[in-house]
Amino acid sequence: MSVVIVGGNDCMVCQYKFLCRKYNCKAKVFTQMMGLKNKIGSPDLLVLFTKTVSHKMVKTALAKTKGQNIRITRCHSSSMTALKEILEEYTV
């Protein structure tokens, strides 16, 4: 399963990817706007960490995935526990 995470903390990128690998997911993490528009692709799951992301990034991510069969989840917290709960819910 492929996961795209938009938002979160810059220092947590490697930890987000490591946790996704534990759940057999391939992850792309975008904490900055740079590259989001062209590299988002068509993941199985889009995770939006709403507290640590700009409105422009959310709009861009949603516009790029519009019309595709992608599950989208929004979470206010960008913690590892929040990501773990999301992955447990969607990877079963």
C-alpha atoms as a PDB file:
ATOM      1  CA  MET A   1       0.000   0.000   0.000  1.00  0.00           C
ATOM      2  CA  SER A   2       1.295   3.471  -0.788  1.00  0.00           C
ATOM      3  CA  VAL A   3       0.837   6.372   1.604  1.00  0.00           C
ATOM      4  CA  VAL A   4       1.413  10.087   1.091  1.00  0.00           C
ATOM      5  CA  ILE A   5       1.762  12.187   4.223  1.00  0.00           C
ATOM      6  CA  VAL A   6       1.290  15.933   3.874  1.00  0.00           C
ATOM      7  CA  GLY A   7       2.403  17.992   6.846  1.00  0.00           C
ATOM      8  CA  GLY A   8       4.154  16.904   9.985  1.00  0.00           C
ATOM      9  CA  ASN A   9       7.515  17.909  11.380  1.00  0.00           C
ATOM     10  CA  ASP A  10      10.685  18.074   9.292  1.00  0.00           C
ATOM     11  CA  CYS A  11      12.673  16.182  11.914  1.00  0.00           C
ATOM     12  CA  MET A  12      10.147  13.307  11.929  1.00  0.00           C
ATOM     13  CA  VAL A  13      10.253  12.425   8.210  1.00  0.00           C
ATOM     14  CA  CYS A  14      12.510   9.389   8.647  1.00  0.00           C
ATOM     15  CA  GLN A  15      10.456   8.164  11.598  1.00  0.00           C
ATOM     16  CA  TYR A  16       7.201   8.497   9.615  1.00  0.00           C
ATOM     17  CA  LYS A  17       8.707   6.435   6.784  1.00  0.00           C
ATOM     18  CA  PHE A  18      10.080   3.836   9.216  1.00  0.00           C
ATOM     19  CA  LEU A  19       6.664   3.400  10.856  1.00  0.00           C
ATOM     20  CA  CYS A  20       5.010   3.043   7.457  1.00  0.00           C
ATOM     21  CA  ARG A  21       7.503   0.306   6.534  1.00  0.00           C
ATOM     22  CA  LYS A  22       6.481  -1.578   9.702  1.00  0.00           C
ATOM     23  CA  TYR A  23       2.957  -1.683   8.269  1.00  0.00           C
ATOM     24  CA  ASN A  24       4.221  -2.750   4.810  1.00  0.00           C
ATOM     25  CA  CYS A  25       3.480   0.647   3.317  1.00  0.00           C
ATOM     26  CA  LYS A  26       5.605   2.693   0.962  1.00  0.00           C
ATOM     27  CA  ALA A  27       5.529   6.321   2.078  1.00  0.00           C
ATOM     28  CA  LYS A  28       6.190   9.744   0.643  1.00  0.00           C
ATOM     29  CA  VAL A  29       6.316  12.592   3.146  1.00  0.00           C
ATOM     30  CA  PHE A  30       5.897  16.246   2.227  1.00  0.00           C
ATOM     31  CA  THR A  31       6.499  18.715   5.044  1.00  0.00           C
ATOM     32  CA  GLN A  32       7.207  21.590   2.662  1.00  0.00           C
ATOM     33  CA  MET A  33       5.394  22.804  -0.451  1.00  0.00           C
ATOM     34  CA  MET A  34       8.426  22.153  -2.651  1.00  0.00           C
ATOM     35  CA  GLY A  35       7.825  19.152  -4.917  1.00  0.00           C
ATOM     36  CA  LEU A  36       4.306  18.408  -3.683  1.00  0.00           C
ATOM     37  CA  LYS A  37       2.590  19.380  -6.901  1.00  0.00           C
ATOM     38  CA  ASN A  38       4.597  17.111  -9.196  1.00  0.00           C
ATOM     39  CA  LYS A  39       5.486  14.159  -6.957  1.00  0.00           C
ATOM     40  CA  ILE A  40       2.275  13.273  -5.115  1.00  0.00           C
ATOM     41  CA  GLY A  41       1.277  10.559  -7.602  1.00  0.00           C
ATOM     42  CA  SER A  42      -1.751   8.368  -6.887  1.00  0.00           C
ATOM     43  CA  PRO A  43      -1.392   6.807  -3.435  1.00  0.00           C
ATOM     44  CA  ASP A  44      -3.812   4.425  -1.746  1.00  0.00           C
ATOM     45  CA  LEU A  45      -4.019   6.686   1.312  1.00  0.00           C
ATOM     46  CA  LEU A  46      -3.493  10.433   1.749  1.00  0.00           C
ATOM     47  CA  VAL A  47      -2.794  11.574   5.323  1.00  0.00           C
ATOM     48  CA  LEU A  48      -3.161  15.290   6.045  1.00  0.00           C
ATOM     49  CA  PHE A  49      -1.652  16.500   9.322  1.00  0.00           C
ATOM     50  CA  THR A  50      -3.735  19.659   9.556  1.00  0.00           C
ATOM     51  CA  LYS A  51      -1.974  21.376  12.466  1.00  0.00           C
ATOM     52  CA  THR A  52       1.425  21.520  10.787  1.00  0.00           C
ATOM     53  CA  VAL A  53       0.440  22.218   7.191  1.00  0.00           C
ATOM     54  CA  SER A  54      -0.603  25.333   5.310  1.00  0.00           C
ATOM     55  CA  HIS A  55      -3.991  25.707   3.694  1.00  0.00           C
ATOM     56  CA  LYS A  56      -2.257  26.016   0.331  1.00  0.00           C
ATOM     57  CA  MET A  57      -0.601  22.602   0.760  1.00  0.00           C
ATOM     58  CA  VAL A  58      -3.925  20.993   1.694  1.00  0.00           C
ATOM     59  CA  LYS A  59      -5.637  22.536  -1.329  1.00  0.00           C
ATOM     60  CA  THR A  60      -2.817  21.424  -3.637  1.00  0.00           C
ATOM     61  CA  ALA A  61      -2.839  17.858  -2.328  1.00  0.00           C
ATOM     62  CA  LEU A  62      -6.619  17.587  -2.597  1.00  0.00           C
ATOM     63  CA  ALA A  63      -6.643  19.098  -6.097  1.00  0.00           C
ATOM     64  CA  LYS A  64      -3.983  16.635  -7.307  1.00  0.00           C
ATOM     65  CA  THR A  65      -5.919  13.640  -5.958  1.00  0.00           C
ATOM     66  CA  LYS A  66      -9.385  14.801  -7.000  1.00  0.00           C
ATOM     67  CA  GLY A  67     -11.284  12.270  -9.080  1.00  0.00           C
ATOM     68  CA  GLN A  68      -9.031   9.374  -8.074  1.00  0.00           C
ATOM     69  CA  ASN A  69     -10.036   6.507  -5.826  1.00  0.00           C
ATOM     70  CA  ILE A  70      -7.882   7.613  -2.883  1.00  0.00           C
ATOM     71  CA  ARG A  71      -8.782   7.345   0.778  1.00  0.00           C
ATOM     72  CA  ILE A  72      -8.139  10.651   2.549  1.00  0.00           C
ATOM     73  CA  THR A  73      -7.797  11.113   6.279  1.00  0.00           C
ATOM     74  CA  ARG A  74      -7.174  14.288   8.241  1.00  0.00           C
ATOM     75  CA  CYS A  75      -5.574  14.376  11.655  1.00  0.00           C
ATOM     76  CA  HIS A  76      -4.889  17.431  13.788  1.00  0.00           C
ATOM     77  CA  SER A  77      -1.941  15.828  15.549  1.00  0.00           C
ATOM     78  CA  SER A  78       1.233  14.930  13.676  1.00  0.00           C
ATOM     79  CA  SER A  79       2.550  12.538  16.299  1.00  0.00           C
ATOM     80  CA  MET A  80       3.820   9.002  15.741  1.00  0.00           C
ATOM     81  CA  THR A  81       0.905   7.679  17.800  1.00  0.00           C
ATOM     82  CA  ALA A  82      -1.591   9.443  15.548  1.00  0.00           C
ATOM     83  CA  LEU A  83       0.067   8.006  12.439  1.00  0.00           C
ATOM     84  CA  LYS A  84       0.161   4.550  14.018  1.00  0.00           C
ATOM     85  CA  GLU A  85      -3.591   4.694  14.728  1.00  0.00           C
ATOM     86  CA  ILE A  86      -4.265   5.779  11.138  1.00  0.00           C
ATOM     87  CA  LEU A  87      -2.150   2.963   9.716  1.00  0.00           C
ATOM     88  CA  GLU A  88      -3.807   0.393  11.990  1.00  0.00           C
ATOM     89  CA  GLU A  89      -7.212   1.541  10.796  1.00  0.00           C
ATOM     90  CA  TYR A  90      -6.460   1.583   7.082  1.00  0.00           C
ATOM     91  CA  THR A  91      -4.050  -1.356   6.638  1.00  0.00           C
ATOM     92  CA  VAL A  92      -6.264  -4.060   8.099  1.00  0.00           C
END
